[in-house]
Structures are given as structure tokens and as C-alpha cells.
Amino acid sequence: MTVRTYNPSVRVGNWNEDICLEEDLLKDFLGKKERGELLIQKTHNLMHNILKKTELTVSTDGFVHFGDAIMIVNPGQESTPNSLHQDPPRPATSLSINLDEQKMHTASKVEGPCAVSASRILSPSARNTFIITSVDGSENGSPLRFGQPFALSTAGGYAGNLKLFSDHARFNLSAKKSRQQVVQLVDDTTYLATWQVLAFHPQMRLEHEGPPSHS
């Protein structure tokens, strides 16, 4: 038979310390909430800003220039080849930032290395807008020429000002699903993060080297 030795209202143990600890936890929570440091707030803020609408550059002379804001779009297929008639036509897609779920909950901006993916969302936003950036000292506003090296950067701020990077597929470096060459966003501008505009036909590339690239 058990005997109650204390009234239910009597506090036992380190009750004062427990109350102070609970108050400190509540103050810490409210402080983080006011500063926007809660994980759910960081995730919401980052996703909200990365999906903000952006304005693409409209060319007035028909050429592409350094500093232009552009999208990289695969127009897809209107119809399927006869050999692949069982597969549906491929829709148009845009190259977009593909945020890692873990970083999404902890980062205040997009950090490299960051994966990219093809998205069916074709409306311009910070997620799929890239800036043509000079790597040879060319001024913003000057036309981009065939064969001239340049970098493709995400916007500053929440988009991280990262550079589009690609490397040949290797045993220890390749895309996870396709096993093809890796394409991702990195912090630094290196040789593997520089690009060139080339004529589509290989035999015409020498003749086209030098003139401005059309938009």
C-alpha cells in the first residue's frame, strides 16, 4: 500500500531550475522568431526570394551583351520521331537551380556547389535567370562575340552569384542518374566554368569566330 507523503501542489526536486530553463527556452525561441532565424522561416524566405520574378534583358540591336540577364531554354519537341512514337513529345524546359533539401533548411542563400535541373517553369525568376559575365575584362554592355570566353552567373544576393560549371564525366565525378558529365553551380570562376558561343556546324566555326552573337 502506497502512502502519499506530499500534497499534489507541493514542488519537489529542482523545480526552480526547471522553470528558469523553460523560460530561457521560450525567450530563445521568441528571439529567433523576431530575427527570422527559425528553420521554417529561413526555408520560406529562401524559397520565396529564389522564386521572385525577374526581368530578362531585351536586346535593342539584336545582339547578346555582357551583363544581360538571360534564360537557357530547351525548346523541346512538337512531335515525336517515328522511332520513338510510343514516347510523348519532350516539353520545353529551362535550366534552373536545384536546391538541396538539407541546405534549404539551413542556408540564407544558395551556396555552391549546387545542382541544376531542367524545369518546365518558363517564367523568369531568380531560380532560372543567369547573367552573362565577363572573364577577360570586357565591359558590361559590350557585345558577346563568337568564340569569346564568358561565365554564366546566378544573380547576387539570395541566388548566391554562383558560376555554371561542367566537367568531363569521370569515374568519381558524374551525374547521379544519367552518369553523364556533371553540371552544377560553383563559387569560383575557373576554366571549367567558362563558356563560348560556337556556330552549330563544326565546319563553319572558323568563319564565324569574332562577329557578335545574335540574340
C-alpha atoms as a PDB file:
ATOM      1  CA  MET A   1       0.000   0.000   0.000  1.00  0.00           C
ATOM      2  CA  THR A   2       1.433   3.351  -1.061  1.00  0.00           C
ATOM      3  CA  VAL A   3       1.205   6.399   1.135  1.00  0.00           C
ATOM      4  CA  ARG A   4       1.109   9.920  -0.361  1.00  0.00           C
ATOM      5  CA  THR A   5       3.713  11.932   1.547  1.00  0.00           C
ATOM      6  CA  TYR A   6       3.252  15.222  -0.342  1.00  0.00           C
ATOM      7  CA  ASN A   7       0.299  17.295  -1.427  1.00  0.00           C
ATOM      8  CA  PRO A   8      -0.053  17.362  -5.251  1.00  0.00           C
ATOM      9  CA  SER A   9       0.649  21.110  -5.193  1.00  0.00           C
ATOM     10  CA  VAL A  10       3.994  20.659  -3.440  1.00  0.00           C
ATOM     11  CA  ARG A  11       7.018  21.148  -5.743  1.00  0.00           C
ATOM     12  CA  VAL A  12       9.873  18.721  -5.376  1.00  0.00           C
ATOM     13  CA  GLY A  13      13.310  18.422  -6.894  1.00  0.00           C
ATOM     14  CA  ASN A  14      14.974  21.227  -8.899  1.00  0.00           C
ATOM     15  CA  TRP A  15      11.655  22.878  -9.660  1.00  0.00           C
ATOM     16  CA  ASN A  16      13.045  26.417  -9.732  1.00  0.00           C
ATOM     17  CA  GLU A  17      15.811  25.416 -12.146  1.00  0.00           C
ATOM     18  CA  ASP A  18      13.279  23.682 -14.416  1.00  0.00           C
ATOM     19  CA  ILE A  19      11.091  26.810 -14.526  1.00  0.00           C
ATOM     20  CA  CYS A  20      14.072  29.023 -15.371  1.00  0.00           C
ATOM     21  CA  LEU A  21      15.140  26.606 -18.108  1.00  0.00           C
ATOM     22  CA  GLU A  22      11.671  26.649 -19.668  1.00  0.00           C
ATOM     23  CA  GLU A  23      11.624  30.461 -19.562  1.00  0.00           C
ATOM     24  CA  ASP A  24      15.057  30.623 -21.217  1.00  0.00           C
ATOM     25  CA  LEU A  25      13.940  28.246 -23.969  1.00  0.00           C
ATOM     26  CA  LEU A  26      10.841  30.354 -24.592  1.00  0.00           C
ATOM     27  CA  LYS A  27      12.879  33.581 -24.724  1.00  0.00           C
ATOM     28  CA  ASP A  28      15.351  31.965 -27.131  1.00  0.00           C
ATOM     29  CA  PHE A  29      12.510  30.795 -29.365  1.00  0.00           C
ATOM     30  CA  LEU A  30      10.813  34.207 -29.412  1.00  0.00           C
ATOM     31  CA  GLY A  31      14.144  35.934 -30.092  1.00  0.00           C
ATOM     32  CA  LYS A  32      14.891  33.688 -33.075  1.00  0.00           C
ATOM     33  CA  LYS A  33      11.349  34.212 -34.338  1.00  0.00           C
ATOM     34  CA  GLU A  34      11.732  38.005 -34.227  1.00  0.00           C
ATOM     35  CA  ARG A  35      15.081  37.815 -36.048  1.00  0.00           C
ATOM     36  CA  GLY A  36      13.754  35.358 -38.630  1.00  0.00           C
ATOM     37  CA  GLU A  37      16.236  32.657 -37.616  1.00  0.00           C
ATOM     38  CA  LEU A  38      13.815  29.748 -37.234  1.00  0.00           C
ATOM     39  CA  LEU A  39      14.376  26.945 -39.760  1.00  0.00           C
ATOM     40  CA  ILE A  40      10.860  27.240 -41.138  1.00  0.00           C
ATOM     41  CA  GLN A  41      11.373  30.996 -41.619  1.00  0.00           C
ATOM     42  CA  LYS A  42      14.727  30.508 -43.351  1.00  0.00           C
ATOM     43  CA  THR A  43      13.232  27.944 -45.711  1.00  0.00           C
ATOM     44  CA  HIS A  44      10.250  30.144 -46.501  1.00  0.00           C
ATOM     45  CA  ASN A  45      12.414  33.242 -47.030  1.00  0.00           C
ATOM     46  CA  LEU A  46      14.928  31.471 -49.278  1.00  0.00           C
ATOM     47  CA  MET A  47      12.275  29.783 -51.406  1.00  0.00           C
ATOM     48  CA  HIS A  48      10.226  32.987 -51.572  1.00  0.00           C
ATOM     49  CA  ASN A  49      13.203  35.027 -52.777  1.00  0.00           C
ATOM     50  CA  ILE A  50      14.555  32.407 -55.167  1.00  0.00           C
ATOM     51  CA  LEU A  51      11.156  32.243 -56.877  1.00  0.00           C
ATOM     52  CA  LYS A  52      10.769  36.011 -57.209  1.00  0.00           C
ATOM     53  CA  LYS A  53      10.040  37.166 -60.732  1.00  0.00           C
ATOM     54  CA  THR A  54      12.905  38.760 -62.646  1.00  0.00           C
ATOM     55  CA  GLU A  55      13.148  40.840 -65.802  1.00  0.00           C
ATOM     56  CA  LEU A  56      15.149  39.468 -68.710  1.00  0.00           C
ATOM     57  CA  THR A  57      17.237  41.812 -70.852  1.00  0.00           C
ATOM     58  CA  VAL A  58      15.559  42.938 -74.067  1.00  0.00           C
ATOM     59  CA  SER A  59      18.083  43.395 -76.883  1.00  0.00           C
ATOM     60  CA  THR A  60      17.730  46.611 -78.871  1.00  0.00           C
ATOM     61  CA  ASP A  61      20.347  45.823 -81.519  1.00  0.00           C
ATOM     62  CA  GLY A  62      19.773  42.087 -81.981  1.00  0.00           C
ATOM     63  CA  PHE A  63      22.966  41.050 -80.166  1.00  0.00           C
ATOM     64  CA  VAL A  64      23.795  39.444 -76.819  1.00  0.00           C
ATOM     65  CA  HIS A  65      25.802  41.621 -74.411  1.00  0.00           C
ATOM     66  CA  PHE A  66      27.827  41.183 -71.254  1.00  0.00           C
ATOM     67  CA  GLY A  67      25.641  41.893 -68.250  1.00  0.00           C
ATOM     68  CA  ASP A  68      22.476  40.649 -69.972  1.00  0.00           C
ATOM     69  CA  ALA A  69      20.013  38.633 -67.886  1.00  0.00           C
ATOM     70  CA  ILE A  70      19.013  35.542 -69.854  1.00  0.00           C
ATOM     71  CA  MET A  71      17.361  32.143 -69.555  1.00  0.00           C
ATOM     72  CA  ILE A  72      18.765  28.910 -71.012  1.00  0.00           C
ATOM     73  CA  VAL A  73      15.822  27.086 -72.572  1.00  0.00           C
ATOM     74  CA  ASN A  74      15.496  23.786 -74.412  1.00  0.00           C
ATOM     75  CA  PRO A  75      12.522  24.327 -76.765  1.00  0.00           C
ATOM     76  CA  GLY A  76      11.584  20.649 -76.614  1.00  0.00           C
ATOM     77  CA  GLN A  77       9.799  18.749 -79.394  1.00  0.00           C
ATOM     78  CA  GLU A  78       6.462  19.468 -81.013  1.00  0.00           C
ATOM     79  CA  SER A  79       6.247  15.898 -82.295  1.00  0.00           C
ATOM     80  CA  THR A  80       7.939  12.593 -81.548  1.00  0.00           C
ATOM     81  CA  PRO A  81      10.174  10.846 -84.139  1.00  0.00           C
ATOM     82  CA  ASN A  82       8.715   7.697 -85.667  1.00  0.00           C
ATOM     83  CA  SER A  83      11.300   5.549 -83.920  1.00  0.00           C
ATOM     84  CA  LEU A  84      10.066   6.878 -80.560  1.00  0.00           C
ATOM     85  CA  HIS A  85       6.359   7.106 -81.328  1.00  0.00           C
ATOM     86  CA  GLN A  86       5.462   5.430 -78.029  1.00  0.00           C
ATOM     87  CA  ASP A  87       7.128   8.221 -76.021  1.00  0.00           C
ATOM     88  CA  PRO A  88       5.330  11.561 -75.555  1.00  0.00           C
ATOM     89  CA  PRO A  89       6.899  14.722 -77.042  1.00  0.00           C
ATOM     90  CA  ARG A  90       9.512  16.326 -74.823  1.00  0.00           C
ATOM     91  CA  PRO A  91       8.228  19.609 -73.313  1.00  0.00           C
ATOM     92  CA  ALA A  92      10.204  22.839 -73.243  1.00  0.00           C
ATOM     93  CA  THR A  93      12.397  23.212 -70.145  1.00  0.00           C
ATOM     94  CA  SER A  94      14.639  25.846 -68.605  1.00  0.00           C
ATOM     95  CA  LEU A  95      17.929  25.386 -66.757  1.00  0.00           C
ATOM     96  CA  SER A  96      17.206  26.075 -63.079  1.00  0.00           C
ATOM     97  CA  ILE A  97      18.783  25.990 -59.638  1.00  0.00           C
ATOM     98  CA  ASN A  98      18.028  22.711 -57.861  1.00  0.00           C
ATOM     99  CA  LEU A  99      18.338  23.396 -54.129  1.00  0.00           C
ATOM    100  CA  ASP A 100      19.455  20.601 -51.838  1.00  0.00           C
ATOM    101  CA  GLU A 101      16.739  19.902 -49.273  1.00  0.00           C
ATOM    102  CA  GLN A 102      19.141  19.946 -46.339  1.00  0.00           C
ATOM    103  CA  LYS A 103      20.745  23.251 -47.382  1.00  0.00           C
ATOM    104  CA  MET A 104      17.297  24.696 -47.973  1.00  0.00           C
ATOM    105  CA  HIS A 105      16.617  24.463 -44.223  1.00  0.00           C
ATOM    106  CA  THR A 106      19.912  25.952 -43.045  1.00  0.00           C
ATOM    107  CA  ALA A 107      21.292  28.345 -45.685  1.00  0.00           C
ATOM    108  CA  SER A 108      20.323  32.003 -46.029  1.00  0.00           C
ATOM    109  CA  LYS A 109      21.278  31.989 -49.725  1.00  0.00           C
ATOM    110  CA  VAL A 110      22.129  29.498 -52.456  1.00  0.00           C
ATOM    111  CA  GLU A 111      25.584  28.075 -51.768  1.00  0.00           C
ATOM    112  CA  GLY A 112      27.952  26.162 -54.017  1.00  0.00           C
ATOM    113  CA  PRO A 113      28.350  23.509 -55.108  1.00  0.00           C
ATOM    114  CA  CYS A 114      24.689  23.449 -56.072  1.00  0.00           C
ATOM    115  CA  ALA A 115      22.979  21.162 -58.569  1.00  0.00           C
ATOM    116  CA  VAL A 116      20.954  22.347 -61.549  1.00  0.00           C
ATOM    117  CA  SER A 117      17.998  20.709 -63.237  1.00  0.00           C
ATOM    118  CA  ALA A 118      15.588  21.177 -66.127  1.00  0.00           C
ATOM    119  CA  SER A 119      12.307  22.762 -65.084  1.00  0.00           C
ATOM    120  CA  ARG A 120       9.067  23.125 -67.026  1.00  0.00           C
ATOM    121  CA  ILE A 121       8.551  26.548 -65.454  1.00  0.00           C
ATOM    122  CA  LEU A 122       9.456  29.000 -68.215  1.00  0.00           C
ATOM    123  CA  SER A 123       8.565  32.255 -66.467  1.00  0.00           C
ATOM    124  CA  PRO A 124      11.763  34.123 -65.462  1.00  0.00           C
ATOM    125  CA  SER A 125      12.700  34.063 -61.779  1.00  0.00           C
ATOM    126  CA  ALA A 126      15.870  34.209 -59.699  1.00  0.00           C
ATOM    127  CA  ARG A 127      15.944  30.409 -59.916  1.00  0.00           C
ATOM    128  CA  ASN A 128      16.346  30.236 -63.715  1.00  0.00           C
ATOM    129  CA  THR A 129      17.890  33.606 -64.649  1.00  0.00           C
ATOM    130  CA  PHE A 130      21.598  33.815 -65.465  1.00  0.00           C
ATOM    131  CA  ILE A 131      23.879  36.806 -66.036  1.00  0.00           C
ATOM    132  CA  ILE A 132      26.427  36.815 -68.881  1.00  0.00           C
ATOM    133  CA  THR A 133      29.631  37.679 -67.013  1.00  0.00           C
ATOM    134  CA  SER A 134      32.973  38.707 -68.490  1.00  0.00           C
ATOM    135  CA  VAL A 135      36.121  36.729 -67.696  1.00  0.00           C
ATOM    136  CA  ASP A 136      38.502  38.681 -69.966  1.00  0.00           C
ATOM    137  CA  GLY A 137      37.846  42.247 -68.809  1.00  0.00           C
ATOM    138  CA  SER A 138      35.121  43.102 -71.317  1.00  0.00           C
ATOM    139  CA  GLU A 139      32.808  45.864 -70.121  1.00  0.00           C
ATOM    140  CA  ASN A 140      29.135  45.342 -69.409  1.00  0.00           C
ATOM    141  CA  GLY A 141      27.097  46.346 -72.423  1.00  0.00           C
ATOM    142  CA  SER A 142      29.710  45.279 -74.972  1.00  0.00           C
ATOM    143  CA  PRO A 143      28.551  42.570 -77.400  1.00  0.00           C
ATOM    144  CA  LEU A 144      29.436  38.939 -76.760  1.00  0.00           C
ATOM    145  CA  ARG A 145      31.324  37.560 -79.755  1.00  0.00           C
ATOM    146  CA  PHE A 146      31.591  34.066 -81.203  1.00  0.00           C
ATOM    147  CA  GLY A 147      34.498  32.223 -79.595  1.00  0.00           C
ATOM    148  CA  GLN A 148      34.844  34.738 -76.736  1.00  0.00           C
ATOM    149  CA  PRO A 149      35.002  33.169 -73.242  1.00  0.00           C
ATOM    150  CA  PHE A 150      32.378  34.165 -70.688  1.00  0.00           C
ATOM    151  CA  ALA A 151      30.772  32.882 -67.497  1.00  0.00           C
ATOM    152  CA  LEU A 152      27.128  32.284 -66.666  1.00  0.00           C
ATOM    153  CA  SER A 153      26.380  33.565 -63.167  1.00  0.00           C
ATOM    154  CA  THR A 154      23.315  33.443 -61.000  1.00  0.00           C
ATOM    155  CA  ALA A 155      22.117  36.767 -59.627  1.00  0.00           C
ATOM    156  CA  GLY A 156      23.658  38.172 -56.456  1.00  0.00           C
ATOM    157  CA  GLY A 157      22.011  38.133 -53.051  1.00  0.00           C
ATOM    158  CA  TYR A 158      19.834  35.098 -52.387  1.00  0.00           C
ATOM    159  CA  ALA A 159      20.869  33.437 -55.679  1.00  0.00           C
ATOM    160  CA  GLY A 160      24.485  33.371 -54.482  1.00  0.00           C
ATOM    161  CA  ASN A 161      26.319  34.756 -57.558  1.00  0.00           C
ATOM    162  CA  LEU A 162      27.422  31.227 -58.489  1.00  0.00           C
ATOM    163  CA  LYS A 163      29.010  30.171 -61.782  1.00  0.00           C
ATOM    164  CA  LEU A 164      27.752  27.414 -64.082  1.00  0.00           C
ATOM    165  CA  PHE A 165      30.367  24.644 -64.149  1.00  0.00           C
ATOM    166  CA  SER A 166      30.785  21.455 -66.177  1.00  0.00           C
ATOM    167  CA  ASP A 167      33.454  18.790 -66.434  1.00  0.00           C
ATOM    168  CA  HIS A 168      34.015  15.605 -68.401  1.00  0.00           C
ATOM    169  CA  ALA A 169      32.451  12.519 -66.867  1.00  0.00           C
ATOM    170  CA  ARG A 170      34.929  10.571 -64.783  1.00  0.00           C
ATOM    171  CA  PHE A 171      34.767   7.515 -62.585  1.00  0.00           C
ATOM    172  CA  ASN A 172      34.481   9.619 -59.425  1.00  0.00           C
ATOM    173  CA  LEU A 173      32.659  12.618 -60.908  1.00  0.00           C
ATOM    174  CA  SER A 174      29.475  12.243 -62.932  1.00  0.00           C
ATOM    175  CA  ALA A 175      25.760  12.978 -62.793  1.00  0.00           C
ATOM    176  CA  LYS A 176      23.978  10.696 -60.324  1.00  0.00           C
ATOM    177  CA  LYS A 177      21.206   9.433 -62.587  1.00  0.00           C
ATOM    178  CA  SER A 178      22.490   9.746 -66.155  1.00  0.00           C
ATOM    179  CA  ARG A 179      26.180   9.075 -65.345  1.00  0.00           C
ATOM    180  CA  GLN A 180      26.988  11.781 -67.895  1.00  0.00           C
ATOM    181  CA  GLN A 181      29.164  14.825 -67.295  1.00  0.00           C
ATOM    182  CA  VAL A 182      28.328  16.788 -64.169  1.00  0.00           C
ATOM    183  CA  VAL A 183      26.752  20.249 -64.484  1.00  0.00           C
ATOM    184  CA  GLN A 184      26.460  22.338 -61.338  1.00  0.00           C
ATOM    185  CA  LEU A 185      26.938  25.794 -59.824  1.00  0.00           C
ATOM    186  CA  VAL A 186      30.190  26.663 -58.043  1.00  0.00           C
ATOM    187  CA  ASP A 187      31.626  29.693 -56.241  1.00  0.00           C
ATOM    188  CA  ASP A 188      34.776  30.332 -58.287  1.00  0.00           C
ATOM    189  CA  THR A 189      35.358  31.180 -61.935  1.00  0.00           C
ATOM    190  CA  THR A 190      37.685  28.528 -63.351  1.00  0.00           C
ATOM    191  CA  TYR A 191      38.429  27.184 -66.812  1.00  0.00           C
ATOM    192  CA  LEU A 192      35.650  24.629 -66.343  1.00  0.00           C
ATOM    193  CA  ALA A 193      33.208  27.454 -65.563  1.00  0.00           C
ATOM    194  CA  THR A 194      33.881  29.402 -68.773  1.00  0.00           C
ATOM    195  CA  TRP A 195      31.826  29.013 -71.931  1.00  0.00           C
ATOM    196  CA  GLN A 196      31.903  30.010 -75.597  1.00  0.00           C
ATOM    197  CA  VAL A 197      29.308  30.622 -78.274  1.00  0.00           C
ATOM    198  CA  LEU A 198      30.130  28.493 -81.332  1.00  0.00           C
ATOM    199  CA  ALA A 199      28.488  28.018 -84.697  1.00  0.00           C
ATOM    200  CA  PHE A 200      26.324  24.900 -84.748  1.00  0.00           C
ATOM    201  CA  HIS A 201      28.052  23.408 -87.814  1.00  0.00           C
ATOM    202  CA  PRO A 202      31.686  22.480 -86.991  1.00  0.00           C
ATOM    203  CA  GLN A 203      32.942  23.428 -90.458  1.00  0.00           C
ATOM    204  CA  MET A 204      31.506  26.945 -90.082  1.00  0.00           C
ATOM    205  CA  ARG A 205      33.037  27.752 -86.699  1.00  0.00           C
ATOM    206  CA  LEU A 206      36.282  29.246 -88.017  1.00  0.00           C
ATOM    207  CA  GLU A 207      34.403  31.591 -90.355  1.00  0.00           C
ATOM    208  CA  HIS A 208      32.028  32.719 -87.588  1.00  0.00           C
ATOM    209  CA  GLU A 209      34.684  33.384 -84.936  1.00  0.00           C
ATOM    210  CA  GLY A 210      34.815  37.055 -83.961  1.00  0.00           C
ATOM    211  CA  PRO A 211      31.456  38.608 -85.020  1.00  0.00           C
ATOM    212  CA  PRO A 212      28.884  39.490 -82.314  1.00  0.00           C
ATOM    213  CA  SER A 213      26.497  36.743 -81.247  1.00  0.00           C
ATOM    214  CA  HIS A 214      22.849  37.274 -82.173  1.00  0.00           C
ATOM    215  CA  SER A 215      20.181  37.102 -79.504  1.00  0.00           C
END
